[in-house]
Amino acid sequence: MGVPMAMPRFFEGPEKKLELVVTPDFPSLRSLGEEMWRRVVAAAGTKVLSVLRNDQCDGYLLSESSLFVFDHWFVIITCGQTTLVAAVEETLRSIPPDAVAFMVYERKNEHYPEHQPTTFYDDARRLQAMLPGRAIRFGDEHGHYIQMFHTTRPFRPQTTDPTLEVLMHAIDPDVAERFVAGSHQRQARMAASLGLEAILPGFTTSEHVFKPVGYSLNALRASEYYAVHVTPEDTGSYVSFETNHDFRGKLSDLVGALVELFQPRAFDVLTFLPDGEARLSVSGYLLGDHVVDTLGGYEVSYFQYFVPPAGPRRPEELAL
């Protein structure tokens, strides 16, 4: 056998995500204290870089993505080789399973799943032992997809509770270069220079520029948040955007503005709506897949878009 080809350096940008809602009679999650949430973060294999607070939310910027804690629910997003299900186990030391009104765990397909410490099926089986539920996949198993495990207890979300995720692959190289150390375009106030603050104005932001590459942003405005995470490596460049800002009636405009900033070759959109199915159209991209389901009282829609090919391309040269 020949010598194995060296794998290019990479960081796994596609994320794992957990959202958990407690019952109305449970004390405020924020009252559990910062040290408890730092233990949860540590259990996932990441750490807190900074904390942004207002009177409704504590936003933790992590070395691998973000955590947002509200009074009766929280969402944690982690990338890289994190073990987010271990964070669920740590969380349930402080939140009894009977106090969990709804939980959903998501795992985006990875570029290099063989380097992850667990598979989605490993994770789902561990979760099933803690909080019985259902596992599903949005998208084609041979392409882009998001796998989910969610509790099946009866749950009715608030009508003011939408969520949007925009997950962008193979971003424009010139845009990616802005997030590489030493780039003359790299700035401390990336949100303003990129135009993110113009898309959703009025938010207080916390940013972190990683060395040698990478970028994370948390943003808060009253009960609304958004988060942006950029992995600009040549192998598997990736950007994620998430918000609970009420995008209903302007979904196409918001998604269109985001993909105009990063110019990905493909992207996925996932929406959770408490009151109807999402409608989306993005200029310059073709719809490759569209999957819908109802879970936990939400209408969930998954869209997968890609740039149509202009013609045949040359093969990529591989370093040996």
Protein backbone atom coordinates (compact mmCIF):
# COMPACT_ATOMS: atom_id res chain seq x y z
CA MET A 1 0.00 0.00 0.00
CA GLY A 2 1.16 3.53 -0.68
CA VAL A 3 1.76 6.24 1.89
CA PRO A 4 -1.56 7.82 2.96
CA MET A 5 -2.17 11.32 1.65
CA ALA A 6 -1.91 13.97 4.36
CA MET A 7 -5.25 15.57 5.20
CA PRO A 8 -5.31 19.38 4.87
CA ARG A 9 -5.48 21.36 8.11
CA PHE A 10 -9.09 22.06 9.00
CA PHE A 11 -11.43 23.12 11.77
CA GLU A 12 -14.91 21.58 11.86
CA GLY A 13 -17.20 24.56 11.47
CA PRO A 14 -20.58 22.76 11.19
CA GLU A 15 -22.17 22.82 14.61
CA LYS A 16 -24.10 20.92 17.20
CA LYS A 17 -26.94 22.81 18.88
CA LEU A 18 -29.14 22.29 21.91
CA GLU A 19 -32.24 24.26 22.89
CA LEU A 20 -34.04 23.50 26.14
CA VAL A 21 -37.20 25.05 27.61
CA VAL A 22 -38.18 24.53 31.25
CA THR A 23 -41.68 24.35 32.71
CA PRO A 24 -43.25 27.65 33.87
CA ASP A 25 -42.95 26.76 37.56
CA PHE A 26 -39.17 26.23 37.40
CA PRO A 27 -36.96 29.05 38.77
CA SER A 28 -35.22 31.39 36.36
CA LEU A 29 -32.35 29.66 34.59
CA ARG A 30 -30.30 32.83 35.02
CA SER A 31 -30.65 32.44 38.80
CA LEU A 32 -28.70 29.16 38.62
CA GLY A 33 -25.56 31.28 38.44
CA GLU A 34 -22.65 31.76 36.08
CA GLU A 35 -20.57 29.00 37.65
CA MET A 36 -23.24 26.41 36.82
CA TRP A 37 -23.27 27.53 33.17
CA ARG A 38 -19.48 27.47 33.05
CA ARG A 39 -19.64 23.82 34.16
CA VAL A 40 -22.10 23.11 31.35
CA VAL A 41 -19.80 24.78 28.84
CA ALA A 42 -16.77 22.89 30.16
CA ALA A 43 -18.62 19.57 29.89
CA ALA A 44 -19.04 20.23 26.17
CA GLY A 45 -15.29 20.73 25.82
CA THR A 46 -15.26 24.48 25.30
CA LYS A 47 -14.77 27.57 27.48
CA VAL A 48 -16.23 31.03 28.06
CA LEU A 49 -14.39 33.92 26.40
CA SER A 50 -16.71 36.79 27.40
CA VAL A 51 -20.21 37.49 28.76
CA LEU A 52 -22.72 40.00 27.39
CA ARG A 53 -25.79 40.69 29.54
CA ASN A 54 -29.00 42.65 29.49
CA ASP A 55 -32.11 42.44 31.68
CA GLN A 56 -33.51 39.45 29.74
CA CYS A 57 -30.52 37.36 28.61
CA ASP A 58 -26.96 36.33 29.45
CA GLY A 59 -24.96 35.75 26.27
CA TYR A 60 -21.75 33.72 26.62
CA LEU A 61 -19.27 33.89 23.76
CA LEU A 62 -17.43 30.57 23.69
CA SER A 63 -14.16 29.34 22.29
CA GLU A 64 -16.39 27.12 20.13
CA SER A 65 -19.52 29.19 19.41
CA SER A 66 -22.21 30.52 21.81
CA LEU A 67 -24.56 30.09 24.77
CA PHE A 68 -27.63 32.26 25.42
CA VAL A 69 -29.48 31.87 28.73
CA PHE A 70 -32.94 33.36 29.27
CA ASP A 71 -35.24 32.94 32.28
CA HIS A 72 -37.08 29.88 30.97
CA TRP A 73 -34.98 28.57 28.10
CA PHE A 74 -31.44 28.44 26.78
CA VAL A 75 -29.64 27.61 23.57
CA ILE A 76 -26.04 26.43 23.25
CA ILE A 77 -24.21 26.07 19.93
CA THR A 78 -20.82 24.36 19.69
CA CYS A 79 -18.49 23.53 16.80
CA GLY A 80 -15.18 21.71 16.39
CA GLN A 81 -14.91 18.38 18.19
CA THR A 82 -17.13 19.30 21.12
CA THR A 83 -19.27 16.81 23.05
CA LEU A 84 -22.50 18.69 23.51
CA VAL A 85 -24.47 15.74 24.88
CA ALA A 86 -22.12 15.70 27.88
CA ALA A 87 -23.33 19.26 28.49
CA VAL A 88 -26.90 17.96 28.60
CA GLU A 89 -25.90 15.50 31.31
CA GLU A 90 -24.32 18.34 33.29
CA THR A 91 -27.41 20.52 32.77
CA LEU A 92 -29.71 17.82 34.15
CA ARG A 93 -27.76 17.89 37.42
CA SER A 94 -29.39 21.30 38.01
CA ILE A 95 -32.59 20.94 35.98
CA PRO A 96 -34.60 17.78 36.80
CA PRO A 97 -35.88 15.92 33.71
CA ASP A 98 -39.48 16.51 34.87
CA ALA A 99 -38.82 20.27 34.59
CA VAL A 100 -37.90 20.00 30.88
CA ALA A 101 -40.87 21.15 28.82
CA PHE A 102 -39.12 20.82 25.45
CA MET A 103 -35.68 19.99 24.16
CA VAL A 104 -34.24 19.75 20.66
CA TYR A 105 -30.70 18.68 19.77
CA GLU A 106 -29.35 19.34 16.27
CA ARG A 107 -26.25 18.11 14.53
CA LYS A 108 -25.19 19.39 11.13
CA ASN A 109 -23.38 16.97 8.81
CA GLU A 110 -19.62 17.40 9.29
CA HIS A 111 -16.87 17.69 6.71
CA TYR A 112 -14.77 15.09 8.55
CA PRO A 113 -17.16 13.04 10.72
CA GLU A 114 -14.48 10.42 11.32
CA HIS A 115 -12.66 12.94 13.54
CA GLN A 116 -15.67 13.50 15.82
CA PRO A 117 -15.62 11.74 19.22
CA THR A 118 -19.24 10.58 18.71
CA THR A 119 -21.80 10.07 15.96
CA PHE A 120 -25.29 11.53 15.94
CA TYR A 121 -26.63 8.05 16.70
CA ASP A 122 -24.36 7.82 19.76
CA ASP A 123 -25.66 11.20 20.90
CA ALA A 124 -29.32 10.38 20.26
CA ARG A 125 -29.14 7.12 22.20
CA ARG A 126 -27.61 8.92 25.20
CA LEU A 127 -30.31 11.58 25.03
CA GLN A 128 -33.03 8.94 24.69
CA ALA A 129 -31.89 7.46 28.01
CA MET A 130 -32.24 10.87 29.69
CA LEU A 131 -35.30 12.34 27.97
CA PRO A 132 -37.30 10.03 25.69
CA GLY A 133 -37.91 11.44 22.24
CA ARG A 134 -37.63 11.04 18.48
CA ALA A 135 -34.73 11.21 16.01
CA ILE A 136 -35.19 12.61 12.48
CA ARG A 137 -33.13 13.92 9.57
CA PHE A 138 -33.80 16.98 7.42
CA GLY A 139 -32.07 16.66 4.05
CA ASP A 140 -30.49 13.98 1.88
CA GLU A 141 -28.08 11.66 3.71
CA HIS A 142 -25.75 11.82 0.67
CA GLY A 143 -25.62 15.63 0.69
CA HIS A 144 -26.23 18.38 3.23
CA TYR A 145 -28.51 17.56 6.13
CA ILE A 146 -29.35 18.29 9.76
CA GLN A 147 -30.15 15.47 12.18
CA MET A 148 -32.32 16.15 15.22
CA PHE A 149 -33.39 14.53 18.43
CA HIS A 150 -36.36 16.15 20.17
CA THR A 151 -38.60 15.39 23.12
CA THR A 152 -42.16 14.36 22.31
CA ARG A 153 -43.92 15.61 25.43
CA PRO A 154 -46.86 17.90 24.59
CA PHE A 155 -45.54 21.45 24.22
CA ARG A 156 -47.02 24.66 22.88
CA PRO A 157 -44.46 27.36 21.97
CA GLN A 158 -45.17 31.04 22.42
CA THR A 159 -46.41 32.76 19.29
CA THR A 160 -43.47 35.19 19.56
CA ASP A 161 -40.85 32.41 19.31
CA PRO A 162 -39.43 31.98 15.79
CA THR A 163 -35.86 30.79 15.11
CA LEU A 164 -33.79 31.11 11.94
CA GLU A 165 -30.52 29.34 11.09
CA VAL A 166 -28.54 30.10 7.92
CA LEU A 167 -25.61 27.71 7.40
CA MET A 168 -23.26 28.72 4.58
CA HIS A 169 -20.67 26.51 2.85
CA ALA A 170 -17.68 27.44 0.66
CA ILE A 171 -17.80 31.20 1.15
CA ASP A 172 -16.16 33.61 -1.27
CA PRO A 173 -12.32 33.43 -0.90
CA ASP A 174 -11.98 37.21 -0.72
CA VAL A 175 -14.51 37.34 2.12
CA ALA A 176 -12.80 34.44 3.90
CA GLU A 177 -9.47 36.25 3.68
CA ARG A 178 -10.81 38.97 5.97
CA PHE A 179 -10.87 36.44 8.82
CA VAL A 180 -7.26 35.27 8.44
CA ALA A 181 -4.56 36.63 10.78
CA GLY A 182 -2.30 39.12 9.02
CA SER A 183 -4.91 40.14 6.48
CA HIS A 184 -4.86 43.87 5.89
CA GLN A 185 -8.67 43.76 5.91
CA ARG A 186 -8.94 42.11 9.34
CA GLN A 187 -10.45 44.53 11.86
CA ALA A 188 -11.54 44.46 15.49
CA ARG A 189 -15.01 45.76 14.56
CA MET A 190 -15.80 43.08 12.01
CA ALA A 191 -19.59 43.28 12.41
CA ALA A 192 -19.63 46.92 11.33
CA SER A 193 -17.10 46.48 8.53
CA LEU A 194 -18.92 43.44 7.13
CA GLY A 195 -22.33 45.10 7.22
CA LEU A 196 -23.88 42.75 9.78
CA GLU A 197 -24.94 45.60 12.04
CA ALA A 198 -26.87 47.14 9.15
CA ILE A 199 -28.85 43.93 8.58
CA LEU A 200 -30.08 43.76 12.19
CA PRO A 201 -29.49 47.20 13.75
CA GLY A 202 -29.76 48.22 17.38
CA PHE A 203 -28.07 45.17 18.91
CA THR A 204 -25.24 45.29 21.44
CA THR A 205 -22.45 43.05 20.18
CA SER A 206 -19.51 41.09 21.55
CA GLU A 207 -16.88 39.85 19.08
CA HIS A 208 -13.82 37.65 19.13
CA VAL A 209 -11.23 37.35 16.36
CA PHE A 210 -9.33 34.06 16.62
CA LYS A 211 -5.69 33.43 15.78
CA PRO A 212 -4.67 32.28 13.27
CA VAL A 213 -8.15 32.28 11.73
CA GLY A 214 -11.80 32.49 12.67
CA TYR A 215 -14.42 34.84 14.09
CA SER A 216 -17.40 34.74 16.50
CA LEU A 217 -20.08 37.29 17.34
CA ASN A 218 -22.87 37.41 19.93
CA ALA A 219 -25.51 40.15 19.75
CA LEU A 220 -28.35 41.07 22.14
CA ARG A 221 -31.32 43.44 21.93
CA ALA A 222 -33.89 42.98 24.73
CA SER A 223 -35.14 39.38 24.31
CA GLU A 224 -33.62 38.94 20.84
CA TYR A 225 -30.21 37.51 19.99
CA TYR A 226 -28.16 36.66 16.98
CA ALA A 227 -24.87 34.81 16.60
CA VAL A 228 -22.36 34.56 13.75
CA HIS A 229 -19.48 32.08 13.54
CA VAL A 230 -16.95 32.03 10.68
CA THR A 231 -14.54 29.22 9.83
CA PRO A 232 -12.54 30.59 6.87
CA GLU A 233 -10.15 27.68 6.20
CA ASP A 234 -9.64 26.71 2.55
CA THR A 235 -10.85 23.21 3.44
CA GLY A 236 -14.46 23.50 4.55
CA SER A 237 -14.98 27.27 4.82
CA TYR A 238 -18.22 27.80 6.70
CA VAL A 239 -20.38 30.49 8.26
CA SER A 240 -23.35 30.04 10.59
CA PHE A 241 -25.93 32.66 11.50
CA GLU A 242 -28.72 32.17 14.03
CA THR A 243 -31.37 34.49 15.47
CA ASN A 244 -34.73 34.56 17.24
CA HIS A 245 -35.45 37.97 15.70
CA ASP A 246 -38.97 37.94 14.25
CA PHE A 247 -38.19 37.40 10.56
CA ARG A 248 -41.76 36.54 9.55
CA GLY A 249 -42.73 38.40 6.39
CA LYS A 250 -39.10 39.27 5.59
CA LEU A 251 -37.36 35.88 5.53
CA SER A 252 -36.25 36.13 1.90
CA ASP A 253 -34.85 39.63 2.41
CA LEU A 254 -32.88 38.64 5.54
CA VAL A 255 -31.45 35.45 4.04
CA GLY A 256 -30.67 37.26 0.78
CA ALA A 257 -28.76 39.97 2.64
CA LEU A 258 -26.70 37.39 4.54
CA VAL A 259 -25.71 35.35 1.49
CA GLU A 260 -24.87 38.56 -0.35
CA LEU A 261 -22.32 39.33 2.40
CA PHE A 262 -20.63 35.92 2.39
CA GLN A 263 -21.41 34.67 -1.15
CA PRO A 264 -21.44 30.93 -0.35
CA ARG A 265 -21.56 28.31 -3.07
CA ALA A 266 -24.24 26.49 -1.05
CA PHE A 267 -26.23 27.12 2.09
CA ASP A 268 -28.92 25.57 4.29
CA VAL A 269 -31.78 27.42 5.98
CA LEU A 270 -33.67 26.02 8.96
CA THR A 271 -36.69 27.76 10.47
CA PHE A 272 -38.80 27.03 13.52
CA LEU A 273 -42.16 28.81 13.38
CA PRO A 274 -44.97 28.58 15.96
CA ASP A 275 -47.66 29.63 13.49
CA GLY A 276 -47.20 28.41 9.93
CA GLU A 277 -44.77 27.13 7.33
CA ALA A 278 -41.89 29.31 6.08
CA ARG A 279 -41.74 30.61 2.50
CA LEU A 280 -38.33 31.39 0.99
CA SER A 281 -36.87 32.43 -2.35
CA VAL A 282 -33.24 33.54 -2.87
CA SER A 283 -32.09 35.20 -6.08
CA GLY A 284 -29.10 33.62 -7.83
CA TYR A 285 -29.46 30.22 -6.14
CA LEU A 286 -31.34 27.03 -6.97
CA LEU A 287 -33.38 25.09 -4.42
CA GLY A 288 -31.89 21.62 -4.05
CA ASP A 289 -34.03 20.25 -1.22
CA HIS A 290 -37.01 21.28 0.90
CA VAL A 291 -38.18 19.27 3.94
CA VAL A 292 -40.95 20.18 6.42
CA ASP A 293 -42.24 18.66 9.66
CA THR A 294 -44.10 19.56 12.82
CA LEU A 295 -42.28 19.01 16.10
CA GLY A 296 -42.83 20.34 19.59
CA GLY A 297 -45.59 22.63 18.31
CA TYR A 298 -43.27 24.26 15.74
CA GLU A 299 -43.54 24.12 11.97
CA VAL A 300 -39.97 23.30 10.94
CA SER A 301 -38.74 23.98 7.40
CA TYR A 302 -35.38 23.01 5.90
CA PHE A 303 -34.16 24.52 2.62
CA GLN A 304 -30.94 23.63 0.80
CA TYR A 305 -29.70 26.04 -1.91
CA PHE A 306 -26.73 26.00 -4.27
CA VAL A 307 -25.18 28.13 -7.01
CA PRO A 308 -26.05 26.64 -10.41
CA PRO A 309 -22.93 25.54 -12.32
CA ALA A 310 -21.88 27.79 -15.20
CA GLY A 311 -20.29 24.82 -16.98
CA PRO A 312 -17.66 22.14 -16.45
CA ARG A 313 -14.82 22.92 -14.02
CA ARG A 314 -11.24 21.70 -13.85
CA PRO A 315 -10.38 19.15 -11.14
CA GLU A 316 -8.73 20.33 -7.93
CA GLU A 317 -4.98 19.71 -7.55
CA LEU A 318 -4.25 17.71 -4.37
CA ALA A 319 -1.06 18.07 -2.34
CA LEU A 320 0.67 14.73 -1.70
